[in-house]
């Protein structure tokens, strides 16, 4: 059976949506140096993402790269959006999704702690999960959004897992300055 990156992305987002209660635990890895954060301030109370639209943010970070307009995820339409650029003769298919999840720590729901790596994106604490669904060509980066929330970037592709992680890091780095600062 051949599973498309879009199916894998939707399945991964569905799993994340189902696991809202979450659990957290230690993650192996080492921190990596980053650039200073230039984030937007969070609202004084409530959901730090209340003033942000996840589809508009995804469209902004994918602008000029041949992706169609982002659409809400079937699995979590109020908090997640995705866009898929199909393969062409010279490029691989790639799906990029983001989820803005209030009330969940970036350390929650680490599906494969044995391969997850702690780090930072522009100084914001993060965890990178290569192949979080044990699927080649997939990578997720979760970033802390204070006081108790997270932003996730998930890439599913026809690429290698290492290339998917490089893409996830690239999109997380583009998203980070657009997130609220705690």
Protein backbone atom coordinates (compact mmCIF):
# COMPACT_ATOMS: atom_id res chain seq x y z
CA UNK A 1 0.00 0.00 0.00
CA UNK A 2 1.37 3.41 -0.97
CA UNK A 3 0.66 6.14 1.62
CA UNK A 4 0.83 9.74 0.46
CA UNK A 5 2.53 12.46 2.52
CA UNK A 6 -0.86 14.18 2.88
CA UNK A 7 -2.33 11.07 4.50
CA UNK A 8 0.66 10.82 6.82
CA UNK A 9 0.38 14.51 7.76
CA UNK A 10 -3.34 14.19 8.51
CA UNK A 11 -2.72 11.03 10.55
CA UNK A 12 0.03 12.74 12.54
CA UNK A 13 -2.11 15.80 13.22
CA UNK A 14 -4.99 13.51 14.19
CA UNK A 15 -2.77 11.70 16.66
CA UNK A 16 -1.64 15.02 18.13
CA UNK A 17 -5.24 16.20 18.42
CA UNK A 18 -6.35 13.01 20.14
CA UNK A 19 -3.50 13.19 22.63
CA UNK A 20 -4.53 16.60 24.04
CA UNK A 21 -4.32 15.38 27.62
CA UNK A 22 -0.68 14.57 26.98
CA UNK A 23 2.16 13.32 29.07
CA UNK A 24 5.64 14.61 29.33
CA UNK A 25 8.99 13.11 30.07
CA UNK A 26 12.69 13.65 29.59
CA UNK A 27 14.08 13.85 26.10
CA UNK A 28 17.63 13.00 25.13
CA UNK A 29 19.75 15.46 23.17
CA UNK A 30 21.72 18.63 23.50
CA UNK A 31 20.77 22.24 23.13
CA UNK A 32 21.96 24.07 20.06
CA UNK A 33 22.81 27.77 19.90
CA UNK A 34 20.25 30.03 18.27
CA UNK A 35 19.65 33.63 17.32
CA UNK A 36 17.95 36.19 19.60
CA UNK A 37 14.16 36.03 19.53
CA UNK A 38 12.16 38.82 17.93
CA UNK A 39 8.71 37.52 18.87
CA UNK A 40 5.47 39.44 19.19
CA UNK A 41 4.13 39.90 22.75
CA UNK A 42 1.42 37.57 24.04
CA UNK A 43 -2.02 38.88 25.04
CA UNK A 44 -2.29 39.80 28.76
CA UNK A 45 -4.42 36.73 29.56
CA UNK A 46 -6.01 33.68 27.97
CA UNK A 47 -4.98 31.88 24.82
CA UNK A 48 -1.67 33.29 23.51
CA UNK A 49 -2.78 32.40 19.97
CA UNK A 50 -6.16 34.18 20.13
CA UNK A 51 -4.98 36.97 17.82
CA UNK A 52 -3.31 34.63 15.32
CA UNK A 53 -4.67 32.59 12.42
CA UNK A 54 -2.69 29.42 11.85
CA UNK A 55 -3.53 29.27 8.12
CA UNK A 56 -2.42 32.87 7.58
CA UNK A 57 0.83 32.16 9.44
CA UNK A 58 1.48 29.05 7.35
CA UNK A 59 0.78 30.98 4.13
CA UNK A 60 3.22 33.66 5.30
CA UNK A 61 6.10 31.24 5.97
CA UNK A 62 5.48 29.34 2.71
CA UNK A 63 5.08 32.46 0.51
CA UNK A 64 6.90 32.31 -2.81
CA UNK A 65 7.73 28.59 -2.55
CA UNK A 66 5.01 27.17 -4.81
CA UNK A 67 2.63 25.98 -2.09
CA UNK A 68 -1.14 26.38 -2.49
CA UNK A 69 -3.14 28.33 0.08
CA UNK A 70 -3.14 26.60 3.48
CA UNK A 71 -6.33 24.90 4.64
CA UNK A 72 -7.50 23.87 8.11
CA UNK A 73 -6.60 20.33 9.12
CA UNK A 74 -9.46 17.85 9.19
CA UNK A 75 -8.06 16.46 12.44
CA UNK A 76 -7.92 19.79 14.33
CA UNK A 77 -9.37 22.57 12.16
CA UNK A 78 -9.44 25.18 14.94
CA UNK A 79 -5.73 24.91 15.70
CA UNK A 80 -3.94 23.33 12.72
CA UNK A 81 -3.43 24.10 9.02
CA UNK A 82 -1.58 22.35 6.22
CA UNK A 83 -0.45 22.87 2.66
CA UNK A 84 0.84 20.31 0.18
CA UNK A 85 3.14 20.97 -2.74
CA UNK A 86 2.87 17.98 -5.09
CA UNK A 87 5.91 16.47 -6.72
CA UNK A 88 6.97 17.58 -10.16
CA UNK A 89 9.51 16.06 -12.49
CA UNK A 90 12.37 17.65 -10.52
CA UNK A 91 11.03 18.12 -6.99
CA UNK A 92 9.66 15.85 -4.29
CA UNK A 93 6.20 16.13 -2.77
CA UNK A 94 6.16 17.98 0.55
CA UNK A 95 3.42 18.68 3.08
CA UNK A 96 3.89 21.34 5.75
CA UNK A 97 1.52 21.71 8.67
CA UNK A 98 1.49 23.91 11.75
CA UNK A 99 -0.53 23.58 14.92
CA UNK A 100 -0.93 26.30 17.57
CA UNK A 101 -1.88 24.49 20.77
CA UNK A 102 -2.84 26.46 23.86
CA UNK A 103 -2.48 24.59 27.16
CA UNK A 104 0.08 22.04 25.95
CA UNK A 105 3.77 22.16 26.71
CA UNK A 106 6.27 21.63 23.91
CA UNK A 107 7.52 18.64 25.90
CA UNK A 108 4.09 16.91 25.86
CA UNK A 109 3.31 13.95 23.62
CA UNK A 110 6.81 13.03 22.55
CA UNK A 111 5.97 9.92 20.55
CA UNK A 112 9.54 8.68 20.15
CA UNK A 113 11.68 10.02 23.04
CA UNK A 114 14.55 7.76 21.97
CA UNK A 115 15.08 9.83 18.81
CA UNK A 116 13.83 13.27 19.92
CA UNK A 117 16.36 16.07 20.28
CA UNK A 118 16.12 19.18 22.46
CA UNK A 119 17.35 22.44 21.06
CA UNK A 120 16.11 25.92 20.37
CA UNK A 121 14.78 27.97 17.50
CA UNK A 122 16.03 31.56 17.73
CA UNK A 123 16.44 31.07 21.50
CA UNK A 124 12.98 29.52 21.97
CA UNK A 125 13.13 26.01 23.55
CA UNK A 126 12.24 23.28 21.06
CA UNK A 127 12.14 19.54 20.50
CA UNK A 128 12.74 17.96 17.12
CA UNK A 129 11.21 14.54 16.49
CA UNK A 130 12.54 12.73 13.42
CA UNK A 131 9.94 10.24 12.13
CA UNK A 132 7.45 10.86 14.98
CA UNK A 133 5.04 8.32 13.42
CA UNK A 134 7.97 5.98 12.63
CA UNK A 135 7.63 7.00 8.96
CA UNK A 136 10.56 7.94 6.73
CA UNK A 137 10.45 11.48 5.34
CA UNK A 138 8.63 12.98 8.32
CA UNK A 139 9.81 15.37 11.02
CA UNK A 140 8.18 17.55 13.67
CA UNK A 141 9.54 20.55 15.55
CA UNK A 142 7.69 21.68 18.68
CA UNK A 143 8.44 25.11 20.16
CA UNK A 144 7.58 26.52 23.57
CA UNK A 145 5.09 29.38 23.69
CA UNK A 146 4.75 30.69 27.20
CA UNK A 147 3.16 30.49 29.58
CA UNK A 148 1.91 26.99 28.77
CA UNK A 149 1.45 26.46 25.03
CA UNK A 150 3.28 25.25 21.97
CA UNK A 151 3.60 25.64 18.22
CA UNK A 152 4.25 22.56 16.11
CA UNK A 153 5.68 22.37 12.60
CA UNK A 154 5.30 19.03 10.84
CA UNK A 155 6.86 18.12 7.50
CA UNK A 156 5.97 14.97 5.56
CA UNK A 157 7.65 14.35 2.25
CA UNK A 158 9.15 12.02 -0.29
CA UNK A 159 12.51 13.20 1.06
CA UNK A 160 14.74 11.42 3.56
CA UNK A 161 13.99 11.97 7.22
CA UNK A 162 17.13 14.10 7.56
CA UNK A 163 15.96 16.33 4.68
CA UNK A 164 12.46 16.51 6.20
CA UNK A 165 14.01 17.65 9.49
CA UNK A 166 16.05 20.30 7.68
CA UNK A 167 12.81 21.57 6.11
CA UNK A 168 10.94 21.45 9.46
CA UNK A 169 13.75 23.47 11.07
CA UNK A 170 13.63 25.99 8.21
CA UNK A 171 9.87 26.49 8.57
CA UNK A 172 10.04 26.57 12.39
CA UNK A 173 12.73 29.26 12.14
CA UNK A 174 10.44 31.29 9.84
CA UNK A 175 7.44 30.80 12.16
CA UNK A 176 9.22 31.58 15.45
CA UNK A 177 9.33 35.41 15.13
CA UNK A 178 5.57 35.40 14.38
CA UNK A 179 4.73 33.64 17.66
CA UNK A 180 3.81 35.42 20.91
CA UNK A 181 6.54 36.02 23.45
CA UNK A 182 5.73 35.01 27.05
